[in-house]
């Protein structure tokens, strides 16, 4: 069983009140007003524009496999 499957199973077996607490906590990790947090809420039109740009780059052959992108980041930051 994968971590995702185990997590989903755990959430399915939790009482609704506990699931709401987990949801609120998880959301707070990503939607923080802390200026150091890069994950700020974005309007839907901005997300869709980014997606359109990304699809265009993929169509032009400019995309990377996730493993290659992670390798590049690792090399850039001295982890590899």
PDB file of N, CA and C in Angstrom:
ATOM      1  N   UNK A   1       0.847  -1.174   0.000  1.00  0.00           N
ATOM      2  CA  UNK A   1       0.000   0.000   0.000  1.00  0.00           C
ATOM      3  C   UNK A   1       0.896   1.242   0.000  1.00  0.00           C
ATOM      4  N   UNK A   2       0.601   2.177  -0.887  1.00  0.00           N
ATOM      5  CA  UNK A   2       1.386   3.408  -0.969  1.00  0.00           C
ATOM      6  C   UNK A   2       1.044   4.342   0.186  1.00  0.00           C
ATOM      7  N   UNK A   3       1.882   5.336   0.368  1.00  0.00           N
ATOM      8  CA  UNK A   3       1.637   6.331   1.411  1.00  0.00           C
ATOM      9  C   UNK A   3       0.331   7.070   1.150  1.00  0.00           C
ATOM     10  N   UNK A   4       0.081   7.378  -0.102  1.00  0.00           N
ATOM     11  CA  UNK A   4      -1.155   8.087  -0.454  1.00  0.00           C
ATOM     12  C   UNK A   4      -2.367   7.210  -0.128  1.00  0.00           C
ATOM     13  N   UNK A   5      -2.310   5.943  -0.509  1.00  0.00           N
ATOM     14  CA  UNK A   5      -3.429   5.036  -0.230  1.00  0.00           C
ATOM     15  C   UNK A   5      -3.650   4.885   1.274  1.00  0.00           C
ATOM     16  N   UNK A   6      -2.571   4.766   2.031  1.00  0.00           N
ATOM     17  CA  UNK A   6      -2.691   4.634   3.487  1.00  0.00           C
ATOM     18  C   UNK A   6      -3.282   5.894   4.100  1.00  0.00           C
ATOM     19  N   UNK A   7      -2.868   7.045   3.588  1.00  0.00           N
ATOM     20  CA  UNK A   7      -3.387   8.310   4.102  1.00  0.00           C
ATOM     21  C   UNK A   7      -4.870   8.451   3.800  1.00  0.00           C
ATOM     22  N   UNK A   8      -5.262   8.111   2.584  1.00  0.00           N
ATOM     23  CA  UNK A   8      -6.676   8.191   2.209  1.00  0.00           C
ATOM     24  C   UNK A   8      -7.506   7.247   3.079  1.00  0.00           C
ATOM     25  N   UNK A   9      -7.013   6.037   3.288  1.00  0.00           N
ATOM     26  CA  UNK A   9      -7.719   5.072   4.127  1.00  0.00           C
ATOM     27  C   UNK A   9      -7.875   5.613   5.540  1.00  0.00           C
ATOM     28  N   UNK A  10      -6.815   6.201   6.072  1.00  0.00           N
ATOM     29  CA  UNK A  10      -6.866   6.772   7.414  1.00  0.00           C
ATOM     30  C   UNK A  10      -7.906   7.894   7.471  1.00  0.00           C
ATOM     31  N   UNK A  11      -7.892   8.764   6.463  1.00  0.00           N
ATOM     32  CA  UNK A  11      -8.855   9.869   6.435  1.00  0.00           C
ATOM     33  C   UNK A  11     -10.288   9.372   6.310  1.00  0.00           C
ATOM     34  N   UNK A  12     -10.481   8.321   5.513  1.00  0.00           N
ATOM     35  CA  UNK A  12     -11.829   7.766   5.348  1.00  0.00           C
ATOM     36  C   UNK A  12     -12.380   7.215   6.649  1.00  0.00           C
ATOM     37  N   UNK A  13     -11.502   6.747   7.523  1.00  0.00           N
ATOM     38  CA  UNK A  13     -11.944   6.149   8.775  1.00  0.00           C
ATOM     39  C   UNK A  13     -12.026   7.134   9.930  1.00  0.00           C
ATOM     40  N   UNK A  14     -11.631   8.376   9.701  1.00  0.00           N
ATOM     41  CA  UNK A  14     -11.691   9.402  10.739  1.00  0.00           C
ATOM     42  C   UNK A  14     -13.107   9.948  10.852  1.00  0.00           C
ATOM     43  N   UNK A  15     -13.474  10.404  12.025  1.00  0.00           N
ATOM     44  CA  UNK A  15     -14.744  11.135  12.141  1.00  0.00           C
ATOM     45  C   UNK A  15     -14.661  12.439  11.338  1.00  0.00           C
ATOM     46  N   UNK A  16     -15.782  12.917  10.883  1.00  0.00           N
ATOM     47  CA  UNK A  16     -15.827  14.128  10.052  1.00  0.00           C
ATOM     48  C   UNK A  16     -15.148  15.311  10.738  1.00  0.00           C
ATOM     49  N   UNK A  17     -15.337  15.460  12.015  1.00  0.00           N
ATOM     50  CA  UNK A  17     -14.739  16.568  12.753  1.00  0.00           C
ATOM     51  C   UNK A  17     -13.208  16.512  12.675  1.00  0.00           C
ATOM     52  N   UNK A  18     -12.644  15.331  12.767  1.00  0.00           N
ATOM     53  CA  UNK A  18     -11.191  15.180  12.675  1.00  0.00           C
ATOM     54  C   UNK A  18     -10.705  15.474  11.258  1.00  0.00           C
ATOM     55  N   UNK A  19     -11.477  15.047  10.248  1.00  0.00           N
ATOM     56  CA  UNK A  19     -11.099  15.333   8.864  1.00  0.00           C
ATOM     57  C   UNK A  19     -11.057  16.829   8.607  1.00  0.00           C
ATOM     58  N   UNK A  20     -12.002  17.554   9.172  1.00  0.00           N
ATOM     59  CA  UNK A  20     -12.036  19.008   9.002  1.00  0.00           C
ATOM     60  C   UNK A  20     -10.803  19.634   9.646  1.00  0.00           C
ATOM     61  N   UNK A  21     -10.398  19.124  10.806  1.00  0.00           N
ATOM     62  CA  UNK A  21      -9.195  19.635  11.466  1.00  0.00           C
ATOM     63  C   UNK A  21      -7.960  19.375  10.606  1.00  0.00           C
ATOM     64  N   UNK A  22      -7.859  18.181  10.020  1.00  0.00           N
ATOM     65  CA  UNK A  22      -6.727  17.850   9.152  1.00  0.00           C
ATOM     66  C   UNK A  22      -6.735  18.760   7.928  1.00  0.00           C
ATOM     67  N   UNK A  23      -7.906  18.942   7.334  1.00  0.00           N
ATOM     68  CA  UNK A  23      -8.027  19.809   6.161  1.00  0.00           C
ATOM     69  C   UNK A  23      -7.587  21.234   6.484  1.00  0.00           C
ATOM     70  N   UNK A  24      -8.090  21.779   7.577  1.00  0.00           N
ATOM     71  CA  UNK A  24      -7.748  23.159   7.945  1.00  0.00           C
ATOM     72  C   UNK A  24      -6.254  23.308   8.202  1.00  0.00           C
ATOM     73  N   UNK A  25      -5.661  22.327   8.884  1.00  0.00           N
ATOM     74  CA  UNK A  25      -4.229  22.388   9.144  1.00  0.00           C
ATOM     75  C   UNK A  25      -3.439  22.322   7.833  1.00  0.00           C
ATOM     76  N   UNK A  26      -3.796  21.379   6.963  1.00  0.00           N
ATOM     77  CA  UNK A  26      -3.103  21.229   5.686  1.00  0.00           C
ATOM     78  C   UNK A  26      -3.222  22.504   4.857  1.00  0.00           C
ATOM     79  N   UNK A  27      -4.411  23.055   4.828  1.00  0.00           N
ATOM     80  CA  UNK A  27      -4.629  24.296   4.079  1.00  0.00           C
ATOM     81  C   UNK A  27      -3.759  25.419   4.640  1.00  0.00           C
ATOM     82  N   UNK A  28      -3.621  25.471   5.949  1.00  0.00           N
ATOM     83  CA  UNK A  28      -2.823  26.547   6.548  1.00  0.00           C
ATOM     84  C   UNK A  28      -1.349  26.437   6.162  1.00  0.00           C
ATOM     85  N   UNK A  29      -0.883  25.238   5.838  1.00  0.00           N
ATOM     86  CA  UNK A  29       0.505  25.074   5.412  1.00  0.00           C
ATOM     87  C   UNK A  29       0.764  25.715   4.051  1.00  0.00           C
ATOM     88  N   UNK A  30      -0.248  25.726   3.209  1.00  0.00           N
ATOM     89  CA  UNK A  30      -0.084  26.218   1.847  1.00  0.00           C
ATOM     90  C   UNK A  30      -0.631  27.615   1.628  1.00  0.00           C
ATOM     91  N   UNK A  31      -1.597  28.004   2.423  1.00  0.00           N
ATOM     92  CA  UNK A  31      -2.202  29.327   2.250  1.00  0.00           C
ATOM     93  C   UNK A  31      -1.901  30.131   3.506  1.00  0.00           C
ATOM     94  N   UNK A  32      -0.723  30.662   3.530  1.00  0.00           N
ATOM     95  CA  UNK A  32      -0.270  31.426   4.676  1.00  0.00           C
ATOM     96  C   UNK A  32      -0.043  32.859   4.248  1.00  0.00           C
ATOM     97  N   UNK A  33      -0.344  33.752   5.116  1.00  0.00           N
ATOM     98  CA  UNK A  33      -0.102  35.174   4.826  1.00  0.00           C
ATOM     99  C   UNK A  33       1.309  35.572   5.230  1.00  0.00           C
ATOM    100  N   UNK A  34       2.093  34.614   5.691  1.00  0.00           N
ATOM    101  CA  UNK A  34       3.472  34.855   6.070  1.00  0.00           C
ATOM    102  C   UNK A  34       4.255  35.264   4.823  1.00  0.00           C
ATOM    103  N   UNK A  35       4.933  36.398   4.848  1.00  0.00           N
ATOM    104  CA  UNK A  35       5.641  36.861   3.643  1.00  0.00           C
ATOM    105  C   UNK A  35       6.746  35.908   3.185  1.00  0.00           C
ATOM    106  N   UNK A  36       7.230  35.045   4.075  1.00  0.00           N
ATOM    107  CA  UNK A  36       8.273  34.103   3.705  1.00  0.00           C
ATOM    108  C   UNK A  36       7.709  32.878   2.982  1.00  0.00           C
ATOM    109  N   UNK A  37       6.410  32.691   3.034  1.00  0.00           N
ATOM    110  CA  UNK A  37       5.773  31.538   2.406  1.00  0.00           C
ATOM    111  C   UNK A  37       5.494  31.852   0.934  1.00  0.00           C
ATOM    112  N   UNK A  38       6.090  31.101   0.005  1.00  0.00           N
ATOM    113  CA  UNK A  38       5.872  31.384  -1.417  1.00  0.00           C
ATOM    114  C   UNK A  38       4.504  30.920  -1.921  1.00  0.00           C
ATOM    115  N   UNK A  39       3.765  30.159  -1.117  1.00  0.00           N
ATOM    116  CA  UNK A  39       2.485  29.611  -1.547  1.00  0.00           C
ATOM    117  C   UNK A  39       1.356  30.537  -1.132  1.00  0.00           C
ATOM    118  N   UNK A  40       1.089  31.516  -1.978  1.00  0.00           N
ATOM    119  CA  UNK A  40       0.010  32.455  -1.692  1.00  0.00           C
ATOM    120  C   UNK A  40      -1.171  32.122  -2.597  1.00  0.00           C
ATOM    121  N   UNK A  41      -2.366  32.466  -2.172  1.00  0.00           N
ATOM    122  CA  UNK A  41      -3.532  32.197  -3.029  1.00  0.00           C
ATOM    123  C   UNK A  41      -3.406  32.949  -4.356  1.00  0.00           C
ATOM    124  N   UNK A  42      -3.750  32.263  -5.442  1.00  0.00           N
ATOM    125  CA  UNK A  42      -3.715  32.877  -6.764  1.00  0.00           C
ATOM    126  C   UNK A  42      -5.111  32.888  -7.354  1.00  0.00           C
ATOM    127  N   UNK A  43      -5.433  33.926  -8.119  1.00  0.00           N
ATOM    128  CA  UNK A  43      -6.737  33.948  -8.792  1.00  0.00           C
ATOM    129  C   UNK A  43      -6.769  32.895  -9.898  1.00  0.00           C
ATOM    130  N   UNK A  44      -7.958  32.391 -10.179  1.00  0.00           N
ATOM    131  CA  UNK A  44      -8.126  31.330 -11.170  1.00  0.00           C
ATOM    132  C   UNK A  44      -7.574  31.725 -12.534  1.00  0.00           C
ATOM    133  N   UNK A  45      -7.747  32.985 -12.939  1.00  0.00           N
ATOM    134  CA  UNK A  45      -7.262  33.384 -14.261  1.00  0.00           C
ATOM    135  C   UNK A  45      -5.740  33.317 -14.354  1.00  0.00           C
ATOM    136  N   UNK A  46      -5.053  33.571 -13.256  1.00  0.00           N
ATOM    137  CA  UNK A  46      -3.595  33.482 -13.255  1.00  0.00           C
ATOM    138  C   UNK A  46      -3.147  32.010 -13.355  1.00  0.00           C
ATOM    139  N   UNK A  47      -3.830  31.143 -12.656  1.00  0.00           N
ATOM    140  CA  UNK A  47      -3.523  29.712 -12.718  1.00  0.00           C
ATOM    141  C   UNK A  47      -3.752  29.190 -14.132  1.00  0.00           C
ATOM    142  N   UNK A  48      -4.867  29.576 -14.734  1.00  0.00           N
ATOM    143  CA  UNK A  48      -5.174  29.120 -16.091  1.00  0.00           C
ATOM    144  C   UNK A  48      -4.178  29.673 -17.110  1.00  0.00           C
ATOM    145  N   UNK A  49      -3.723  30.903 -16.915  1.00  0.00           N
ATOM    146  CA  UNK A  49      -2.718  31.482 -17.817  1.00  0.00           C
ATOM    147  C   UNK A  49      -1.400  30.726 -17.699  1.00  0.00           C
ATOM    148  N   UNK A  50      -1.013  30.386 -16.470  1.00  0.00           N
ATOM    149  CA  UNK A  50       0.215  29.604 -16.267  1.00  0.00           C
ATOM    150  C   UNK A  50       0.091  28.231 -16.911  1.00  0.00           C
ATOM    151  N   UNK A  51      -1.068  27.624 -16.787  1.00  0.00           N
ATOM    152  CA  UNK A  51      -1.296  26.313 -17.381  1.00  0.00           C
ATOM    153  C   UNK A  51      -1.215  26.387 -18.904  1.00  0.00           C
ATOM    154  N   UNK A  52      -1.796  27.424 -19.490  1.00  0.00           N
ATOM    155  CA  UNK A  52      -1.738  27.601 -20.945  1.00  0.00           C
ATOM    156  C   UNK A  52      -0.287  27.777 -21.412  1.00  0.00           C
ATOM    157  N   UNK A  53       0.479  28.565 -20.667  1.00  0.00           N
ATOM    158  CA  UNK A  53       1.887  28.765 -21.007  1.00  0.00           C
ATOM    159  C   UNK A  53       2.655  27.447 -20.900  1.00  0.00           C
ATOM    160  N   UNK A  54       2.385  26.701 -19.856  1.00  0.00           N
ATOM    161  CA  UNK A  54       3.056  25.414 -19.656  1.00  0.00           C
ATOM    162  C   UNK A  54       2.743  24.435 -20.785  1.00  0.00           C
ATOM    163  N   UNK A  55       1.484  24.377 -21.174  1.00  0.00           N
ATOM    164  CA  UNK A  55       1.104  23.486 -22.274  1.00  0.00           C
ATOM    165  C   UNK A  55       1.790  23.892 -23.576  1.00  0.00           C
ATOM    166  N   UNK A  56       1.914  25.191 -23.810  1.00  0.00           N
ATOM    167  CA  UNK A  56       2.616  25.666 -25.001  1.00  0.00           C
ATOM    168  C   UNK A  56       4.076  25.250 -24.984  1.00  0.00           C
ATOM    169  N   UNK A  57       4.702  25.337 -23.831  1.00  0.00           N
ATOM    170  CA  UNK A  57       6.100  24.924 -23.713  1.00  0.00           C
ATOM    171  C   UNK A  57       6.254  23.426 -23.957  1.00  0.00           C
ATOM    172  N   UNK A  58       5.330  22.639 -23.459  1.00  0.00           N
ATOM    173  CA  UNK A  58       5.367  21.190 -23.688  1.00  0.00           C
ATOM    174  C   UNK A  58       5.224  20.912 -25.179  1.00  0.00           C
ATOM    175  N   UNK A  59       4.281  21.600 -25.830  1.00  0.00           N
ATOM    176  CA  UNK A  59       4.076  21.417 -27.273  1.00  0.00           C
ATOM    177  C   UNK A  59       5.332  21.775 -28.072  1.00  0.00           C
ATOM    178  N   UNK A  60       6.127  22.717 -27.570  1.00  0.00           N
ATOM    179  CA  UNK A  60       7.351  23.141 -28.244  1.00  0.00           C
ATOM    180  C   UNK A  60       8.544  22.263 -27.874  1.00  0.00           C
ATOM    181  N   UNK A  61       8.303  21.245 -27.068  1.00  0.00           N
ATOM    182  CA  UNK A  61       9.388  20.343 -26.672  1.00  0.00           C
ATOM    183  C   UNK A  61      10.302  20.906 -25.594  1.00  0.00           C
ATOM    184  N   UNK A  62       9.830  21.888 -24.862  1.00  0.00           N
ATOM    185  CA  UNK A  62      10.653  22.519 -23.828  1.00  0.00           C
ATOM    186  C   UNK A  62      10.435  21.918 -22.440  1.00  0.00           C
ATOM    187  N   UNK A  63       9.602  20.888 -22.354  1.00  0.00           N
ATOM    188  CA  UNK A  63       9.303  20.297 -21.052  1.00  0.00           C
ATOM    189  C   UNK A  63      10.410  19.381 -20.564  1.00  0.00           C
ATOM    190  N   UNK A  64      10.402  19.121 -19.262  1.00  0.00           N
ATOM    191  CA  UNK A  64      11.344  18.195 -18.645  1.00  0.00           C
ATOM    192  C   UNK A  64      10.567  17.125 -17.894  1.00  0.00           C
ATOM    193  N   UNK A  65      11.142  15.950 -17.832  1.00  0.00           N
ATOM    194  CA  UNK A  65      10.590  14.943 -16.942  1.00  0.00           C
ATOM    195  C   UNK A  65      10.860  15.413 -15.512  1.00  0.00           C
ATOM    196  N   UNK A  66       9.966  15.097 -14.603  1.00  0.00           N
ATOM    197  CA  UNK A  66      10.119  15.542 -13.219  1.00  0.00           C
ATOM    198  C   UNK A  66      11.449  15.082 -12.634  1.00  0.00           C
ATOM    199  N   UNK A  67      11.861  13.862 -12.944  1.00  0.00           N
ATOM    200  CA  UNK A  67      13.135  13.361 -12.393  1.00  0.00           C
ATOM    201  C   UNK A  67      14.316  14.202 -12.897  1.00  0.00           C
ATOM    202  N   UNK A  68      14.284  14.610 -14.167  1.00  0.00           N
ATOM    203  CA  UNK A  68      15.353  15.459 -14.710  1.00  0.00           C
ATOM    204  C   UNK A  68      15.339  16.843 -14.062  1.00  0.00           C
ATOM    205  N   UNK A  69      14.146  17.390 -13.859  1.00  0.00           N
ATOM    206  CA  UNK A  69      14.033  18.705 -13.225  1.00  0.00           C
ATOM    207  C   UNK A  69      14.570  18.654 -11.798  1.00  0.00           C
ATOM    208  N   UNK A  70      14.244  17.579 -11.066  1.00  0.00           N
ATOM    209  CA  UNK A  70      14.740  17.444  -9.701  1.00  0.00           C
ATOM    210  C   UNK A  70      16.253  17.272  -9.671  1.00  0.00           C
ATOM    211  N   UNK A  71      16.779  16.526 -10.635  1.00  0.00           N
ATOM    212  CA  UNK A  71      18.237  16.383 -10.725  1.00  0.00           C
ATOM    213  C   UNK A  71      18.902  17.738 -10.956  1.00  0.00           C
ATOM    214  N   UNK A  72      18.324  18.542 -11.839  1.00  0.00           N
ATOM    215  CA  UNK A  72      18.879  19.879 -12.106  1.00  0.00           C
ATOM    216  C   UNK A  72      18.859  20.741 -10.855  1.00  0.00           C
ATOM    217  N   UNK A  73      17.741  20.697 -10.117  1.00  0.00           N
ATOM    218  CA  UNK A  73      17.655  21.469  -8.878  1.00  0.00           C
ATOM    219  C   UNK A  73      18.675  20.980  -7.861  1.00  0.00           C
ATOM    220  N   UNK A  74      18.835  19.662  -7.764  1.00  0.00           N
ATOM    221  CA  UNK A  74      19.809  19.098  -6.833  1.00  0.00           C
ATOM    222  C   UNK A  74      21.222  19.534  -7.150  1.00  0.00           C
ATOM    223  N   UNK A  75      21.557  19.532  -8.436  1.00  0.00           N
ATOM    224  CA  UNK A  75      22.897  19.973  -8.842  1.00  0.00           C
ATOM    225  C   UNK A  75      23.096  21.466  -8.575  1.00  0.00           C
ATOM    226  N   UNK A  76      22.063  22.234  -8.866  1.00  0.00           N
ATOM    227  CA  UNK A  76      22.133  23.688  -8.684  1.00  0.00           C
ATOM    228  C   UNK A  76      22.371  24.048  -7.220  1.00  0.00           C
ATOM    229  N   UNK A  77      21.777  23.284  -6.313  1.00  0.00           N
ATOM    230  CA  UNK A  77      21.867  23.588  -4.883  1.00  0.00           C
ATOM    231  C   UNK A  77      22.871  22.712  -4.149  1.00  0.00           C
ATOM    232  N   UNK A  78      23.670  21.950  -4.909  1.00  0.00           N
ATOM    233  CA  UNK A  78      24.755  21.181  -4.303  1.00  0.00           C
ATOM    234  C   UNK A  78      24.346  19.912  -3.579  1.00  0.00           C
ATOM    235  N   UNK A  79      23.159  19.382  -3.889  1.00  0.00           N
ATOM    236  CA  UNK A  79      22.727  18.148  -3.255  1.00  0.00           C
ATOM    237  C   UNK A  79      23.190  16.928  -4.024  1.00  0.00           C
ATOM    238  N   UNK A  80      23.556  17.127  -5.274  1.00  0.00           N
ATOM    239  CA  UNK A  80      24.001  16.012  -6.124  1.00  0.00           C
ATOM    240  C   UNK A  80      25.422  16.266  -6.554  1.00  0.00           C
TER     241      UNK A  80
END
